[in-house]
Protein backbone atom coordinates (compact mmCIF):
# COMPACT_ATOMS: atom_id res chain seq x y z
CA MET A 1 -0.02 -0.03 -0.06
CA SER A 2 1.14 3.63 -0.55
CA PRO A 3 2.10 5.84 2.27
CA LYS A 4 -0.91 8.02 1.76
CA THR A 5 -3.07 4.90 2.18
CA MET A 6 -1.26 3.79 5.26
CA ARG A 7 -1.60 7.19 6.81
CA LEU A 8 -5.37 7.14 6.10
CA LEU A 9 -5.62 3.57 7.69
CA ALA A 10 -3.39 4.39 10.73
CA LYS A 11 -5.96 5.96 13.09
CA PRO A 12 -8.71 3.48 12.31
CA MET A 13 -6.22 0.79 13.10
CA LEU A 14 -5.28 2.39 16.37
CA PHE A 15 -9.05 2.91 17.17
CA SER A 16 -9.70 -0.77 16.34
CA ALA A 17 -6.84 -1.88 18.67
CA ALA A 18 -8.26 0.32 21.50
CA LEU A 19 -11.72 -1.14 20.86
CA ILE A 20 -10.55 -4.78 20.85
CA TRP A 21 -8.50 -4.45 24.02
CA GLY A 22 -11.42 -2.61 25.72
CA THR A 23 -13.76 -5.30 25.00
CA SER A 24 -11.31 -8.05 26.04
CA PHE A 25 -11.82 -7.26 29.74
CA PHE A 26 -15.27 -8.63 30.01
CA MET A 27 -14.41 -11.54 27.58
CA MET A 28 -11.52 -12.42 30.01
CA LYS A 29 -13.83 -12.22 32.92
CA ASN A 30 -16.23 -14.77 31.38
CA ALA A 31 -13.34 -17.08 30.30
CA LEU A 32 -11.99 -16.99 33.98
CA ASP A 33 -15.18 -18.67 35.10
CA ALA A 34 -14.16 -21.77 33.46
CA ILE A 35 -10.38 -21.63 32.91
CA PRO A 36 -7.68 -21.24 35.68
CA VAL A 37 -5.52 -18.06 35.34
CA PHE A 38 -2.26 -19.48 34.30
CA PHE A 39 -3.67 -22.01 31.75
CA LEU A 40 -5.77 -19.09 30.34
CA LEU A 41 -2.55 -17.08 29.69
CA ALA A 42 -0.62 -20.07 28.55
CA ILE A 43 -3.18 -20.66 25.75
CA ARG A 44 -3.45 -17.07 24.94
CA PHE A 45 0.22 -16.47 24.61
CA THR A 46 0.91 -19.69 22.87
CA ALA A 47 -1.56 -18.89 20.23
CA GLY A 48 -0.32 -15.30 19.87
CA ALA A 49 3.36 -16.39 19.45
CA VAL A 50 2.36 -18.92 16.68
CA LEU A 51 0.01 -16.70 14.83
CA LEU A 52 2.46 -13.64 14.94
CA ALA A 53 5.42 -15.99 13.87
CA LEU A 54 3.45 -16.92 10.95
CA VAL A 55 2.46 -13.34 10.08
CA CYS A 56 5.97 -12.08 10.18
CA TRP A 57 7.64 -15.06 8.58
CA LYS A 58 9.76 -12.91 6.17
CA LYS A 59 11.37 -11.35 9.20
CA TRP A 60 12.95 -14.53 10.50
CA LYS A 61 15.95 -13.95 8.31
CA ASP A 62 16.85 -11.35 10.87
CA PHE A 63 16.97 -13.72 13.75
CA THR A 64 20.08 -13.75 16.02
CA PRO A 65 20.55 -15.72 19.36
CA ASP A 66 20.31 -12.63 21.47
CA TYR A 67 16.56 -12.45 20.57
CA LEU A 68 16.19 -15.23 23.05
CA TRP A 69 17.45 -13.67 26.31
CA ARG A 70 15.76 -10.28 25.22
CA GLY A 71 12.42 -12.07 24.74
CA ALA A 72 12.89 -13.97 28.10
CA VAL A 73 13.36 -10.69 29.99
CA ILE A 74 10.43 -8.71 28.50
CA GLY A 75 8.31 -11.87 28.43
CA GLY A 76 8.85 -12.23 32.12
CA PHE A 77 7.55 -8.74 32.80
CA LEU A 78 4.59 -9.38 30.36
CA PHE A 79 3.80 -12.63 32.25
CA LEU A 80 3.94 -10.99 35.64
CA ALA A 81 1.74 -8.07 34.52
CA TYR A 82 -0.90 -10.23 32.82
CA SER A 83 -0.89 -12.79 35.60
CA ILE A 84 -1.46 -10.21 38.34
CA GLN A 85 -3.96 -8.38 36.26
CA THR A 86 -5.93 -11.76 35.57
CA PHE A 87 -6.03 -12.61 39.29
CA GLY A 88 -7.22 -9.10 40.04
CA LEU A 89 -9.88 -9.20 37.52
CA ALA A 90 -11.36 -12.25 39.03
CA LEU A 91 -11.87 -10.16 42.25
CA THR A 92 -13.05 -6.85 40.71
CA THR A 93 -15.17 -5.56 37.97
CA PRO A 94 -14.11 -5.51 34.23
CA SER A 95 -14.83 -1.72 34.25
CA LYS A 96 -12.61 -0.99 37.16
CA SER A 97 -9.93 -3.29 35.88
CA ALA A 98 -9.95 -1.46 32.59
CA PHE A 99 -9.28 1.90 34.13
CA LEU A 100 -6.99 0.92 36.91
CA THR A 101 -4.77 -0.92 34.49
CA THR A 102 -4.25 2.27 32.36
CA VAL A 103 -2.35 3.75 35.49
CA TYR A 104 0.79 2.26 33.90
CA CYS A 105 0.69 5.10 31.33
CA VAL A 106 1.26 7.69 34.26
CA LEU A 107 3.89 5.41 35.94
CA VAL A 108 6.22 5.06 32.88
CA PRO A 109 7.95 8.34 33.17
CA PHE A 110 8.75 7.82 36.77
CA LEU A 111 10.12 4.38 36.20
CA THR A 112 12.17 5.70 33.17
CA TRP A 113 13.64 8.41 35.67
CA ALA A 114 14.73 5.67 38.01
CA VAL A 115 16.31 3.52 35.17
CA VAL A 116 17.83 6.23 32.74
CA LYS A 117 17.71 9.38 34.93
CA ALA A 118 15.38 11.22 32.63
CA ARG A 119 13.45 13.51 35.05
CA PRO A 120 9.67 13.75 34.66
CA ASP A 121 8.27 17.13 33.53
CA ARG A 122 5.38 19.16 35.05
CA TYR A 123 2.90 17.28 32.89
CA ASN A 124 3.99 13.94 34.33
CA ILE A 125 3.65 15.33 37.83
CA LEU A 126 0.22 16.78 37.14
CA ALA A 127 -0.89 13.53 35.57
CA ALA A 128 0.34 11.61 38.70
CA LEU A 129 -1.76 13.92 40.98
CA LEU A 130 -4.90 13.53 38.79
CA CYS A 131 -4.38 9.69 38.59
CA VAL A 132 -3.98 9.25 42.36
CA THR A 133 -7.12 11.22 42.94
CA GLY A 134 -8.93 9.24 40.24
CA VAL A 135 -7.71 5.92 41.72
CA GLY A 136 -8.94 7.01 45.18
CA LEU A 137 -12.44 7.58 43.79
CA VAL A 138 -12.54 4.38 41.99
CA SER A 139 -10.89 2.04 44.49
CA LEU A 140 -11.22 3.46 48.14
CA THR A 141 -14.12 2.01 50.01
CA ASP A 142 -15.96 4.00 52.70
CA GLU A 143 -13.44 2.64 55.18
CA LEU A 144 -10.67 4.07 53.03
CA THR A 145 -9.34 0.63 52.14
CA VAL A 146 -8.73 -0.92 48.78
CA ASN A 147 -10.23 -4.29 48.01
CA THR A 148 -7.79 -7.18 46.91
CA GLY A 149 -8.88 -7.16 43.30
CA ASP A 150 -8.28 -3.45 42.81
CA GLY A 151 -4.94 -3.69 44.80
CA LEU A 152 -3.73 -6.36 42.44
CA THR A 153 -4.82 -4.43 39.38
CA LEU A 154 -2.80 -1.45 40.56
CA CYS A 155 0.22 -3.84 41.18
CA CYS A 156 -0.17 -5.17 37.61
CA ALA A 157 0.03 -1.43 36.28
CA VAL A 158 3.45 -1.24 37.81
CA PHE A 159 4.61 -4.37 35.91
CA TYR A 160 3.10 -3.05 32.69
CA ALA A 161 5.05 0.07 33.17
CA SER A 162 8.15 -1.93 33.94
CA HIS A 163 7.58 -3.92 30.84
CA ILE A 164 7.47 -0.83 28.60
CA VAL A 165 10.75 0.50 30.07
CA ALA A 166 12.37 -2.99 29.59
CA VAL A 167 11.29 -3.10 25.98
CA ALA A 168 12.66 0.40 25.36
CA LYS A 169 16.07 -1.06 26.83
CA VAL A 170 16.33 -4.22 25.04
CA SER A 171 14.69 -3.48 21.71
CA PRO A 172 16.85 -0.92 20.03
CA GLY A 173 18.35 -2.45 16.80
CA LYS A 174 15.95 -5.37 16.78
CA ASP A 175 12.75 -5.98 14.73
CA ILE A 176 9.96 -5.29 17.23
CA THR A 177 7.54 -7.88 15.71
CA LEU A 178 10.03 -10.65 15.80
CA LEU A 179 11.11 -9.72 19.31
CA THR A 180 7.29 -9.79 20.24
CA VAL A 181 7.05 -13.43 19.07
CA PHE A 182 9.77 -14.37 21.53
CA GLN A 183 8.22 -12.23 24.17
CA PHE A 184 4.87 -14.12 23.73
CA ALA A 185 6.69 -17.53 23.55
CA PHE A 186 8.54 -17.00 26.85
CA ALA A 187 5.43 -15.60 28.58
CA ALA A 188 3.60 -18.74 27.49
CA LEU A 189 6.37 -20.92 28.75
CA TYR A 190 6.23 -19.27 32.22
CA ALA A 191 2.47 -19.66 32.14
CA TRP A 192 2.58 -23.39 31.27
CA MET A 193 5.19 -23.95 34.01
CA CYS A 194 3.13 -22.17 36.65
CA GLY A 195 -0.10 -23.79 35.57
CA GLY A 196 1.39 -27.24 35.55
CA LEU A 197 2.68 -26.74 39.15
CA THR A 198 -0.43 -25.11 40.66
CA GLU A 199 -3.59 -25.76 38.56
CA THR A 200 -5.49 -28.58 36.94
CA PHE A 201 -5.72 -28.36 33.16
CA PRO A 202 -9.47 -27.52 32.04
CA ALA A 203 -9.84 -30.08 29.41
CA ALA A 204 -13.57 -30.39 29.81
CA ALA A 205 -14.06 -26.51 29.52
CA LEU A 206 -12.27 -26.43 26.27
CA THR A 207 -14.94 -28.46 24.54
CA ASP A 208 -17.67 -25.89 25.49
CA PRO A 209 -18.25 -23.39 22.74
CA ALA A 210 -19.26 -20.84 25.40
CA VAL A 211 -15.71 -20.95 26.68
CA VAL A 212 -13.95 -21.53 23.39
CA TRP A 213 -15.25 -18.55 21.44
CA PRO A 214 -14.26 -15.90 23.97
CA LEU A 215 -10.92 -17.70 24.21
CA VAL A 216 -10.48 -17.53 20.27
CA TYR A 217 -11.34 -13.79 20.55
CA LEU A 218 -8.62 -13.21 23.18
CA CYS A 219 -5.96 -15.25 21.22
CA VAL A 220 -6.64 -14.00 17.75
CA MET A 221 -8.11 -10.50 18.17
CA ALA A 222 -6.98 -9.20 21.56
CA THR A 223 -3.40 -10.59 21.23
CA THR A 224 -2.39 -10.90 17.52
CA VAL A 225 -4.55 -8.56 15.44
CA ALA A 226 -4.71 -5.66 18.04
CA LEU A 227 -0.89 -5.80 18.43
CA LEU A 228 -0.35 -5.63 14.64
CA PHE A 229 -2.79 -2.74 14.40
CA GLN A 230 -1.04 -0.92 17.20
CA ASN A 231 2.46 -1.45 15.54
CA VAL A 232 1.34 -0.36 12.08
CA GLY A 233 -0.84 2.52 13.38
CA GLN A 234 1.86 4.08 15.58
CA VAL A 235 4.37 3.90 12.55
CA TRP A 236 1.99 5.92 10.34
CA SER A 237 0.45 8.22 12.99
CA ASP A 238 1.81 11.12 15.00
CA PRO A 239 2.56 10.02 18.61
CA ALA A 240 0.22 12.34 20.41
CA SER A 241 -2.81 11.26 18.29
CA ALA A 242 -1.88 7.61 18.75
CA ALA A 243 -1.49 7.92 22.53
CA VAL A 244 -5.02 9.51 22.80
CA ILE A 245 -6.69 7.06 20.61
CA LEU A 246 -5.01 4.00 22.38
CA SER A 247 -6.10 5.52 25.78
CA LEU A 248 -9.65 5.00 24.72
CA GLU A 249 -9.16 1.43 25.56
CA SER A 250 -10.11 2.10 29.09
CA VAL A 251 -13.42 3.96 27.93
CA PHE A 252 -14.36 1.04 25.72
CA GLY A 253 -13.56 -1.28 28.57
CA VAL A 254 -16.07 0.51 30.80
CA ALA A 255 -18.75 0.71 28.07
CA SER A 256 -18.56 -2.91 27.03
CA SER A 257 -18.63 -4.05 30.76
CA VAL A 258 -21.64 -2.11 31.41
CA ILE A 259 -23.47 -3.17 28.28
CA PHE A 260 -22.51 -6.79 28.16
CA TYR A 261 -21.54 -7.77 31.61
CA GLY A 262 -23.93 -5.58 33.69
CA ASP A 263 -21.31 -3.67 35.68
CA PRO A 264 -22.81 -0.99 37.98
CA VAL A 265 -21.44 2.49 37.43
CA THR A 266 -21.95 5.31 39.99
CA GLY A 267 -21.30 8.96 39.84
CA ARG A 268 -18.22 8.53 42.02
CA LEU A 269 -16.84 5.71 39.68
CA LEU A 270 -17.47 8.02 36.59
CA ALA A 271 -15.55 10.97 38.19
CA GLY A 272 -12.59 8.55 39.02
CA PHE A 273 -12.63 7.18 35.40
CA ALA A 274 -12.67 10.63 33.99
CA LEU A 275 -9.64 11.83 36.15
CA ILE A 276 -7.67 8.74 35.31
CA PHE A 277 -8.48 9.28 31.57
CA VAL A 278 -7.40 12.86 31.69
CA ALA A 279 -4.26 11.82 33.53
CA VAL A 280 -3.31 9.29 30.85
CA VAL A 281 -3.87 11.85 28.10
CA CYS A 282 -1.91 14.45 30.07
CA SER A 283 0.96 12.09 30.60
CA GLU A 284 1.04 10.61 27.06
CA THR A 285 0.50 13.81 24.95
CA LYS A 286 1.11 16.72 27.37
CA PHE A 287 -1.98 18.22 25.72
CA SER A 288 0.11 18.89 22.50
CA PHE A 289 -3.03 18.54 20.44
CA LEU A 290 -4.46 21.63 22.29
CA HIS A 291 -1.37 23.60 21.54
CA LYS A 292 -1.59 22.77 17.91
CA LYS A 293 -5.20 24.02 17.70
CA SER A 294 -4.23 27.26 19.47
CA ASP A 295 -1.44 27.84 16.99
CA ASP A 296 -3.90 27.02 13.98
CA LEU A 297 -6.37 29.71 15.40
CA GLU A 298 -3.58 32.17 15.64
CA LEU A 299 -2.63 31.62 12.05
CA MET A 300 -6.37 32.05 10.94
CA LYS A 301 -6.51 35.49 12.50
């Protein structure tokens, strides 16, 4: 396809990725009713690794042995993030999980500061304050405590942020799609090992269409297709627009959970969701799209 066509498709691809990931929260919640956490992740990451390996088969000529240790490292962070998130999802609502997970966007600048000494700017600090307030509205009970599911989901956000920083450290000079194959493969290996040691394989559940179809959606759409859409969309779109569109994942997560799963949403939850969403947009874009509009208005005068 021509560059012009790719630029036209970039934002719809990013929007589709956000929509797919947003709807995956209630799909995952339903799948957890029949499949234990580690085996669910093992199946999902195995399928993702195989499908992505087939999609990027032309890139295998670039393989070098160091892809293995790099994939093992970032696959470890990904496995920890998904595992903790999935255990948390079993104990909280899909809508709360969707928004609390996006806290990782706000944490990344601070973890980057710890690793590479790049100091967060005022937008990152503002985003952190907005996010903490939003998390309080979403998670704190009347007794000012956080339930186990919400607490685990916030922990998973730390590992998602760590995963992003780790990818930034180990991916330079490497093909990101090929590296993702190994990331998925190692995450699957860790999940199979943990599942084999702690869980019973749900053979009977995997013959039930009500379980299989959500699992297919998670494996094909939420793992492989959405990732490809994100990678391609970010290449052919400006970073600020891409960040705003991808942050809609949390909005879609709430909407789909309310419509299809029956999640209750109160005014307090909505206020918390709104603050977290604004925090993510602030951290990811520094409101650059507002500056651009102001500059365009000045030119029109």
